[in-house]
């Protein structure tokens, strides 16, 4: 059975962008998405919460799974970005 790789839709990119902003050097820092934030950011946070990657529907902290995903994402971004 072949694995289906998700397309880089605008929603998917927005979720990746949200995760990329977490500071992985500390577990004490989270995010609070305010009601007047960009609707794309609000929706991204909700989807990440639904996927159990963050602790609150309006941000919060990374879950254990979310941290793993964010670490992998930041590694990919470092490699592709040439940093």
PDB file of N, CA and C in Angstrom:
ATOM      1  N   UNK A   1       0.846  -1.184   0.000  1.00  0.00           N
ATOM      2  CA  UNK A   1       0.000   0.000   0.000  1.00  0.00           C
ATOM      3  C   UNK A   1       0.890   1.244   0.000  1.00  0.00           C
ATOM      4  N   UNK A   2       0.607   2.148  -0.898  1.00  0.00           N
ATOM      5  CA  UNK A   2       1.400   3.359  -1.046  1.00  0.00           C
ATOM      6  C   UNK A   2       0.909   4.438  -0.080  1.00  0.00           C
ATOM      7  N   UNK A   3       1.853   5.129   0.547  1.00  0.00           N
ATOM      8  CA  UNK A   3       1.525   6.214   1.452  1.00  0.00           C
ATOM      9  C   UNK A   3       1.114   7.446   0.652  1.00  0.00           C
ATOM     10  N   UNK A   4       0.023   8.068   1.058  1.00  0.00           N
ATOM     11  CA  UNK A   4      -0.443   9.286   0.404  1.00  0.00           C
ATOM     12  C   UNK A   4       0.200  10.478   1.106  1.00  0.00           C
ATOM     13  N   UNK A   5       0.931  11.261   0.342  1.00  0.00           N
ATOM     14  CA  UNK A   5       1.590  12.443   0.894  1.00  0.00           C
ATOM     15  C   UNK A   5       0.654  13.631   0.715  1.00  0.00           C
ATOM     16  N   UNK A   6       0.364  14.347   1.827  1.00  0.00           N
ATOM     17  CA  UNK A   6      -0.561  15.478   1.712  1.00  0.00           C
ATOM     18  C   UNK A   6       0.011  16.602   0.847  1.00  0.00           C
ATOM     19  N   UNK A   7      -0.853  17.240   0.116  1.00  0.00           N
ATOM     20  CA  UNK A   7      -0.469  18.399  -0.695  1.00  0.00           C
ATOM     21  C   UNK A   7      -0.232  19.596   0.211  1.00  0.00           C
ATOM     22  N   UNK A   8       0.584  20.501  -0.255  1.00  0.00           N
ATOM     23  CA  UNK A   8       0.858  21.709   0.513  1.00  0.00           C
ATOM     24  C   UNK A   8      -0.223  22.750   0.235  1.00  0.00           C
ATOM     25  N   UNK A   9      -1.397  22.491   0.799  1.00  0.00           N
ATOM     26  CA  UNK A   9      -2.516  23.427   0.666  1.00  0.00           C
ATOM     27  C   UNK A   9      -2.244  24.652   1.541  1.00  0.00           C
ATOM     28  N   UNK A  10      -2.939  25.745   1.312  1.00  0.00           N
ATOM     29  CA  UNK A  10      -2.760  26.914   2.172  1.00  0.00           C
ATOM     30  C   UNK A  10      -3.022  26.597   3.659  1.00  0.00           C
ATOM     31  N   UNK A  11      -4.017  25.775   3.949  1.00  0.00           N
ATOM     32  CA  UNK A  11      -4.293  25.409   5.346  1.00  0.00           C
ATOM     33  C   UNK A  11      -3.135  24.627   5.948  1.00  0.00           C
ATOM     34  N   UNK A  12      -2.588  23.684   5.192  1.00  0.00           N
ATOM     35  CA  UNK A  12      -1.476  22.867   5.658  1.00  0.00           C
ATOM     36  C   UNK A  12      -0.250  23.737   5.910  1.00  0.00           C
ATOM     37  N   UNK A  13       0.039  24.650   4.997  1.00  0.00           N
ATOM     38  CA  UNK A  13       1.178  25.557   5.152  1.00  0.00           C
ATOM     39  C   UNK A  13       0.977  26.448   6.377  1.00  0.00           C
ATOM     40  N   UNK A  14      -0.242  26.899   6.605  1.00  0.00           N
ATOM     41  CA  UNK A  14      -0.527  27.739   7.774  1.00  0.00           C
ATOM     42  C   UNK A  14      -0.271  26.964   9.073  1.00  0.00           C
ATOM     43  N   UNK A  15      -0.627  25.694   9.108  1.00  0.00           N
ATOM     44  CA  UNK A  15      -0.367  24.870  10.289  1.00  0.00           C
ATOM     45  C   UNK A  15       1.132  24.688  10.495  1.00  0.00           C
ATOM     46  N   UNK A  16       1.859  24.424   9.414  1.00  0.00           N
ATOM     47  CA  UNK A  16       3.306  24.276   9.522  1.00  0.00           C
ATOM     48  C   UNK A  16       3.939  25.574  10.015  1.00  0.00           C
ATOM     49  N   UNK A  17       3.465  26.689   9.498  1.00  0.00           N
ATOM     50  CA  UNK A  17       3.985  27.985   9.920  1.00  0.00           C
ATOM     51  C   UNK A  17       3.728  28.219  11.406  1.00  0.00           C
ATOM     52  N   UNK A  18       2.557  27.849  11.875  1.00  0.00           N
ATOM     53  CA  UNK A  18       2.214  27.993  13.299  1.00  0.00           C
ATOM     54  C   UNK A  18       3.192  27.175  14.145  1.00  0.00           C
ATOM     55  N   UNK A  19       3.394  25.926  13.777  1.00  0.00           N
ATOM     56  CA  UNK A  19       4.294  25.047  14.537  1.00  0.00           C
ATOM     57  C   UNK A  19       5.743  25.529  14.495  1.00  0.00           C
ATOM     58  N   UNK A  20       6.141  26.109  13.378  1.00  0.00           N
ATOM     59  CA  UNK A  20       7.524  26.553  13.215  1.00  0.00           C
ATOM     60  C   UNK A  20       7.889  27.689  14.163  1.00  0.00           C
ATOM     61  N   UNK A  21       6.913  28.368  14.719  1.00  0.00           N
ATOM     62  CA  UNK A  21       7.189  29.507  15.588  1.00  0.00           C
ATOM     63  C   UNK A  21       7.394  29.134  17.056  1.00  0.00           C
ATOM     64  N   UNK A  22       7.202  27.881  17.401  1.00  0.00           N
ATOM     65  CA  UNK A  22       7.436  27.472  18.787  1.00  0.00           C
ATOM     66  C   UNK A  22       8.928  27.441  19.073  1.00  0.00           C
ATOM     67  N   UNK A  23       9.303  27.932  20.247  1.00  0.00           N
ATOM     68  CA  UNK A  23      10.689  27.901  20.708  1.00  0.00           C
ATOM     69  C   UNK A  23      10.931  26.542  21.360  1.00  0.00           C
ATOM     70  N   UNK A  24      11.708  25.702  20.714  1.00  0.00           N
ATOM     71  CA  UNK A  24      11.934  24.354  21.216  1.00  0.00           C
ATOM     72  C   UNK A  24      13.005  24.296  22.302  1.00  0.00           C
ATOM     73  N   UNK A  25      13.608  25.431  22.605  1.00  0.00           N
ATOM     74  CA  UNK A  25      14.611  25.467  23.670  1.00  0.00           C
ATOM     75  C   UNK A  25      13.972  25.511  25.050  1.00  0.00           C
ATOM     76  N   UNK A  26      12.672  25.746  25.101  1.00  0.00           N
ATOM     77  CA  UNK A  26      11.981  25.807  26.391  1.00  0.00           C
ATOM     78  C   UNK A  26      10.598  25.183  26.260  1.00  0.00           C
ATOM     79  N   UNK A  27      10.181  24.520  27.293  1.00  0.00           N
ATOM     80  CA  UNK A  27       8.819  23.979  27.337  1.00  0.00           C
ATOM     81  C   UNK A  27       7.893  24.950  28.077  1.00  0.00           C
ATOM     82  N   UNK A  28       8.434  26.072  28.523  1.00  0.00           N
ATOM     83  CA  UNK A  28       7.684  27.037  29.316  1.00  0.00           C
ATOM     84  C   UNK A  28       7.032  28.133  28.475  1.00  0.00           C
ATOM     85  N   UNK A  29       7.221  28.081  27.170  1.00  0.00           N
ATOM     86  CA  UNK A  29       6.690  29.134  26.308  1.00  0.00           C
ATOM     87  C   UNK A  29       5.630  28.563  25.377  1.00  0.00           C
ATOM     88  N   UNK A  30       4.473  29.191  25.380  1.00  0.00           N
ATOM     89  CA  UNK A  30       3.388  28.781  24.502  1.00  0.00           C
ATOM     90  C   UNK A  30       2.873  29.972  23.724  1.00  0.00           C
ATOM     91  N   UNK A  31       1.724  29.805  23.100  1.00  0.00           N
ATOM     92  CA  UNK A  31       1.097  30.872  22.324  1.00  0.00           C
ATOM     93  C   UNK A  31      -0.343  31.055  22.766  1.00  0.00           C
ATOM     94  N   UNK A  32      -0.808  32.283  22.657  1.00  0.00           N
ATOM     95  CA  UNK A  32      -2.211  32.612  22.867  1.00  0.00           C
ATOM     96  C   UNK A  32      -2.682  33.316  21.601  1.00  0.00           C
ATOM     97  N   UNK A  33      -3.615  32.694  20.900  1.00  0.00           N
ATOM     98  CA  UNK A  33      -4.182  33.292  19.697  1.00  0.00           C
ATOM     99  C   UNK A  33      -5.411  34.082  20.128  1.00  0.00           C
ATOM    100  N   UNK A  34      -5.358  35.370  19.916  1.00  0.00           N
ATOM    101  CA  UNK A  34      -6.456  36.240  20.334  1.00  0.00           C
ATOM    102  C   UNK A  34      -7.611  36.201  19.332  1.00  0.00           C
ATOM    103  N   UNK A  35      -8.786  36.573  19.812  1.00  0.00           N
ATOM    104  CA  UNK A  35     -10.002  36.534  18.988  1.00  0.00           C
ATOM    105  C   UNK A  35      -9.918  37.431  17.756  1.00  0.00           C
ATOM    106  N   UNK A  36      -9.096  38.483  17.829  1.00  0.00           N
ATOM    107  CA  UNK A  36      -8.978  39.409  16.703  1.00  0.00           C
ATOM    108  C   UNK A  36      -7.792  39.061  15.787  1.00  0.00           C
ATOM    109  N   UNK A  37      -7.190  37.893  15.987  1.00  0.00           N
ATOM    110  CA  UNK A  37      -6.089  37.454  15.130  1.00  0.00           C
ATOM    111  C   UNK A  37      -6.607  37.131  13.734  1.00  0.00           C
ATOM    112  N   UNK A  38      -5.688  36.996  12.818  1.00  0.00           N
ATOM    113  CA  UNK A  38      -6.028  36.612  11.448  1.00  0.00           C
ATOM    114  C   UNK A  38      -6.842  35.314  11.490  1.00  0.00           C
ATOM    115  N   UNK A  39      -7.962  35.257  10.805  1.00  0.00           N
ATOM    116  CA  UNK A  39      -8.785  34.041  10.807  1.00  0.00           C
ATOM    117  C   UNK A  39      -8.009  32.779  10.417  1.00  0.00           C
ATOM    118  N   UNK A  40      -7.027  32.918   9.555  1.00  0.00           N
ATOM    119  CA  UNK A  40      -6.193  31.779   9.155  1.00  0.00           C
ATOM    120  C   UNK A  40      -5.413  31.218  10.351  1.00  0.00           C
ATOM    121  N   UNK A  41      -4.924  32.101  11.203  1.00  0.00           N
ATOM    122  CA  UNK A  41      -4.168  31.683  12.391  1.00  0.00           C
ATOM    123  C   UNK A  41      -5.113  31.013  13.394  1.00  0.00           C
ATOM    124  N   UNK A  42      -6.279  31.586  13.586  1.00  0.00           N
ATOM    125  CA  UNK A  42      -7.274  31.012  14.505  1.00  0.00           C
ATOM    126  C   UNK A  42      -7.649  29.608  14.041  1.00  0.00           C
ATOM    127  N   UNK A  43      -7.919  29.460  12.744  1.00  0.00           N
ATOM    128  CA  UNK A  43      -8.301  28.158  12.203  1.00  0.00           C
ATOM    129  C   UNK A  43      -7.155  27.156  12.293  1.00  0.00           C
ATOM    130  N   UNK A  44      -5.938  27.616  12.069  1.00  0.00           N
ATOM    131  CA  UNK A  44      -4.772  26.727  12.171  1.00  0.00           C
ATOM    132  C   UNK A  44      -4.630  26.188  13.585  1.00  0.00           C
ATOM    133  N   UNK A  45      -4.768  27.058  14.567  1.00  0.00           N
ATOM    134  CA  UNK A  45      -4.662  26.623  15.953  1.00  0.00           C
ATOM    135  C   UNK A  45      -5.728  25.579  16.274  1.00  0.00           C
ATOM    136  N   UNK A  46      -6.926  25.804  15.822  1.00  0.00           N
ATOM    137  CA  UNK A  46      -7.999  24.837  16.078  1.00  0.00           C
ATOM    138  C   UNK A  46      -7.684  23.486  15.445  1.00  0.00           C
ATOM    139  N   UNK A  47      -7.212  23.504  14.208  1.00  0.00           N
ATOM    140  CA  UNK A  47      -6.893  22.237  13.534  1.00  0.00           C
ATOM    141  C   UNK A  47      -5.749  21.510  14.236  1.00  0.00           C
ATOM    142  N   UNK A  48      -4.735  22.251  14.685  1.00  0.00           N
ATOM    143  CA  UNK A  48      -3.616  21.627  15.394  1.00  0.00           C
ATOM    144  C   UNK A  48      -4.077  21.051  16.731  1.00  0.00           C
ATOM    145  N   UNK A  49      -4.997  21.736  17.385  1.00  0.00           N
ATOM    146  CA  UNK A  49      -5.575  21.208  18.623  1.00  0.00           C
ATOM    147  C   UNK A  49      -6.356  19.930  18.336  1.00  0.00           C
ATOM    148  N   UNK A  50      -7.147  19.946  17.284  1.00  0.00           N
ATOM    149  CA  UNK A  50      -7.934  18.764  16.905  1.00  0.00           C
ATOM    150  C   UNK A  50      -7.029  17.568  16.592  1.00  0.00           C
ATOM    151  N   UNK A  51      -5.830  17.849  16.095  1.00  0.00           N
ATOM    152  CA  UNK A  51      -4.861  16.795  15.780  1.00  0.00           C
ATOM    153  C   UNK A  51      -4.005  16.414  16.995  1.00  0.00           C
ATOM    154  N   UNK A  52      -4.305  17.058  18.132  1.00  0.00           N
ATOM    155  CA  UNK A  52      -3.606  16.794  19.396  1.00  0.00           C
ATOM    156  C   UNK A  52      -2.127  17.174  19.348  1.00  0.00           C
ATOM    157  N   UNK A  53      -1.821  18.262  18.616  1.00  0.00           N
ATOM    158  CA  UNK A  53      -0.451  18.751  18.537  1.00  0.00           C
ATOM    159  C   UNK A  53      -0.202  19.913  19.479  1.00  0.00           C
ATOM    160  N   UNK A  54      -1.273  20.626  19.872  1.00  0.00           N
ATOM    161  CA  UNK A  54      -1.166  21.704  20.856  1.00  0.00           C
ATOM    162  C   UNK A  54      -2.239  21.494  21.925  1.00  0.00           C
ATOM    163  N   UNK A  55      -2.040  22.135  23.071  1.00  0.00           N
ATOM    164  CA  UNK A  55      -2.879  21.836  24.234  1.00  0.00           C
ATOM    165  C   UNK A  55      -4.210  22.570  24.295  1.00  0.00           C
ATOM    166  N   UNK A  56      -4.351  23.666  23.566  1.00  0.00           N
ATOM    167  CA  UNK A  56      -5.583  24.460  23.621  1.00  0.00           C
ATOM    168  C   UNK A  56      -6.028  24.838  22.212  1.00  0.00           C
ATOM    169  N   UNK A  57      -7.315  25.002  21.993  1.00  0.00           N
ATOM    170  CA  UNK A  57      -7.784  25.373  20.658  1.00  0.00           C
ATOM    171  C   UNK A  57      -7.353  26.776  20.230  1.00  0.00           C
ATOM    172  N   UNK A  58      -6.891  27.581  21.170  1.00  0.00           N
ATOM    173  CA  UNK A  58      -6.394  28.914  20.833  1.00  0.00           C
ATOM    174  C   UNK A  58      -4.893  29.030  21.106  1.00  0.00           C
ATOM    175  N   UNK A  59      -4.193  27.922  20.961  1.00  0.00           N
ATOM    176  CA  UNK A  59      -2.739  27.940  21.120  1.00  0.00           C
ATOM    177  C   UNK A  59      -2.273  27.032  22.232  1.00  0.00           C
ATOM    178  N   UNK A  60      -1.724  27.633  23.259  1.00  0.00           N
ATOM    179  CA  UNK A  60      -1.217  26.843  24.367  1.00  0.00           C
ATOM    180  C   UNK A  60       0.178  26.326  24.088  1.00  0.00           C
ATOM    181  N   UNK A  61       0.449  25.156  24.636  1.00  0.00           N
ATOM    182  CA  UNK A  61       1.763  24.542  24.533  1.00  0.00           C
ATOM    183  C   UNK A  61       1.725  23.380  23.557  1.00  0.00           C
ATOM    184  N   UNK A  62       2.903  22.968  23.125  1.00  0.00           N
ATOM    185  CA  UNK A  62       2.996  21.767  22.304  1.00  0.00           C
ATOM    186  C   UNK A  62       2.740  20.539  23.163  1.00  0.00           C
ATOM    187  N   UNK A  63       2.016  19.574  22.632  1.00  0.00           N
ATOM    188  CA  UNK A  63       1.897  18.279  23.292  1.00  0.00           C
ATOM    189  C   UNK A  63       3.191  17.510  22.988  1.00  0.00           C
ATOM    190  N   UNK A  64       3.353  16.323  23.547  1.00  0.00           N
ATOM    191  CA  UNK A  64       4.538  15.513  23.249  1.00  0.00           C
ATOM    192  C   UNK A  64       4.616  15.239  21.743  1.00  0.00           C
ATOM    193  N   UNK A  65       3.476  14.890  21.145  1.00  0.00           N
ATOM    194  CA  UNK A  65       3.443  14.654  19.698  1.00  0.00           C
ATOM    195  C   UNK A  65       3.736  15.943  18.934  1.00  0.00           C
ATOM    196  N   UNK A  66       3.157  17.056  19.380  1.00  0.00           N
ATOM    197  CA  UNK A  66       3.391  18.339  18.735  1.00  0.00           C
ATOM    198  C   UNK A  66       4.846  18.741  18.779  1.00  0.00           C
ATOM    199  N   UNK A  67       5.506  18.473  19.896  1.00  0.00           N
ATOM    200  CA  UNK A  67       6.931  18.796  20.016  1.00  0.00           C
ATOM    201  C   UNK A  67       7.747  17.964  19.025  1.00  0.00           C
ATOM    202  N   UNK A  68       7.402  16.690  18.919  1.00  0.00           N
ATOM    203  CA  UNK A  68       8.107  15.823  17.971  1.00  0.00           C
ATOM    204  C   UNK A  68       7.948  16.344  16.540  1.00  0.00           C
ATOM    205  N   UNK A  69       6.726  16.714  16.194  1.00  0.00           N
ATOM    206  CA  UNK A  69       6.459  17.242  14.852  1.00  0.00           C
ATOM    207  C   UNK A  69       7.206  18.557  14.637  1.00  0.00           C
ATOM    208  N   UNK A  70       7.166  19.447  15.619  1.00  0.00           N
ATOM    209  CA  UNK A  70       7.846  20.742  15.500  1.00  0.00           C
ATOM    210  C   UNK A  70       9.359  20.566  15.369  1.00  0.00           C
ATOM    211  N   UNK A  71       9.923  19.616  16.088  1.00  0.00           N
ATOM    212  CA  UNK A  71      11.366  19.352  15.977  1.00  0.00           C
ATOM    213  C   UNK A  71      11.720  18.897  14.565  1.00  0.00           C
ATOM    214  N   UNK A  72      10.926  17.965  14.027  1.00  0.00           N
ATOM    215  CA  UNK A  72      11.175  17.476  12.672  1.00  0.00           C
ATOM    216  C   UNK A  72      10.998  18.605  11.651  1.00  0.00           C
ATOM    217  N   UNK A  73       9.954  19.399  11.842  1.00  0.00           N
ATOM    218  CA  UNK A  73       9.686  20.513  10.938  1.00  0.00           C
ATOM    219  C   UNK A  73      10.841  21.507  10.950  1.00  0.00           C
ATOM    220  N   UNK A  74      11.301  21.877  12.134  1.00  0.00           N
ATOM    221  CA  UNK A  74      12.388  22.851  12.210  1.00  0.00           C
ATOM    222  C   UNK A  74      13.675  22.290  11.606  1.00  0.00           C
ATOM    223  N   UNK A  75      13.891  20.987  11.724  1.00  0.00           N
ATOM    224  CA  UNK A  75      15.053  20.361  11.069  1.00  0.00           C
ATOM    225  C   UNK A  75      14.943  20.493   9.549  1.00  0.00           C
ATOM    226  N   UNK A  76      13.763  20.185   9.030  1.00  0.00           N
ATOM    227  CA  UNK A  76      13.553  20.302   7.573  1.00  0.00           C
ATOM    228  C   UNK A  76      13.738  21.741   7.132  1.00  0.00           C
ATOM    229  N   UNK A  77      13.190  22.679   7.861  1.00  0.00           N
ATOM    230  CA  UNK A  77      13.316  24.086   7.483  1.00  0.00           C
ATOM    231  C   UNK A  77      14.770  24.549   7.522  1.00  0.00           C
ATOM    232  N   UNK A  78      15.531  24.054   8.476  1.00  0.00           N
ATOM    233  CA  UNK A  78      16.957  24.409   8.563  1.00  0.00           C
ATOM    234  C   UNK A  78      17.713  23.846   7.368  1.00  0.00           C
ATOM    235  N   UNK A  79      17.432  22.615   7.002  1.00  0.00           N
ATOM    236  CA  UNK A  79      18.116  21.983   5.866  1.00  0.00           C
ATOM    237  C   UNK A  79      17.730  22.678   4.570  1.00  0.00           C
ATOM    238  N   UNK A  80      16.451  22.853   4.340  1.00  0.00           N
ATOM    239  CA  UNK A  80      16.002  23.466   3.081  1.00  0.00           C
ATOM    240  C   UNK A  80      16.376  24.944   3.023  1.00  0.00           C
ATOM    241  N   UNK A  81      16.310  25.618   4.181  1.00  0.00           N
ATOM    242  CA  UNK A  81      16.636  27.040   4.223  1.00  0.00           C
ATOM    243  C   UNK A  81      18.120  27.324   4.167  1.00  0.00           C
ATOM    244  N   UNK A  82      18.947  26.279   4.275  1.00  0.00           N
ATOM    245  CA  UNK A  82      20.390  26.449   4.181  1.00  0.00           C
ATOM    246  C   UNK A  82      21.031  27.095   5.377  1.00  0.00           C
ATOM    247  N   UNK A  83      20.354  27.027   6.520  1.00  0.00           N
ATOM    248  CA  UNK A  83      20.908  27.654   7.723  1.00  0.00           C
ATOM    249  C   UNK A  83      21.874  26.721   8.409  1.00  0.00           C
TER     250      UNK A  83
END
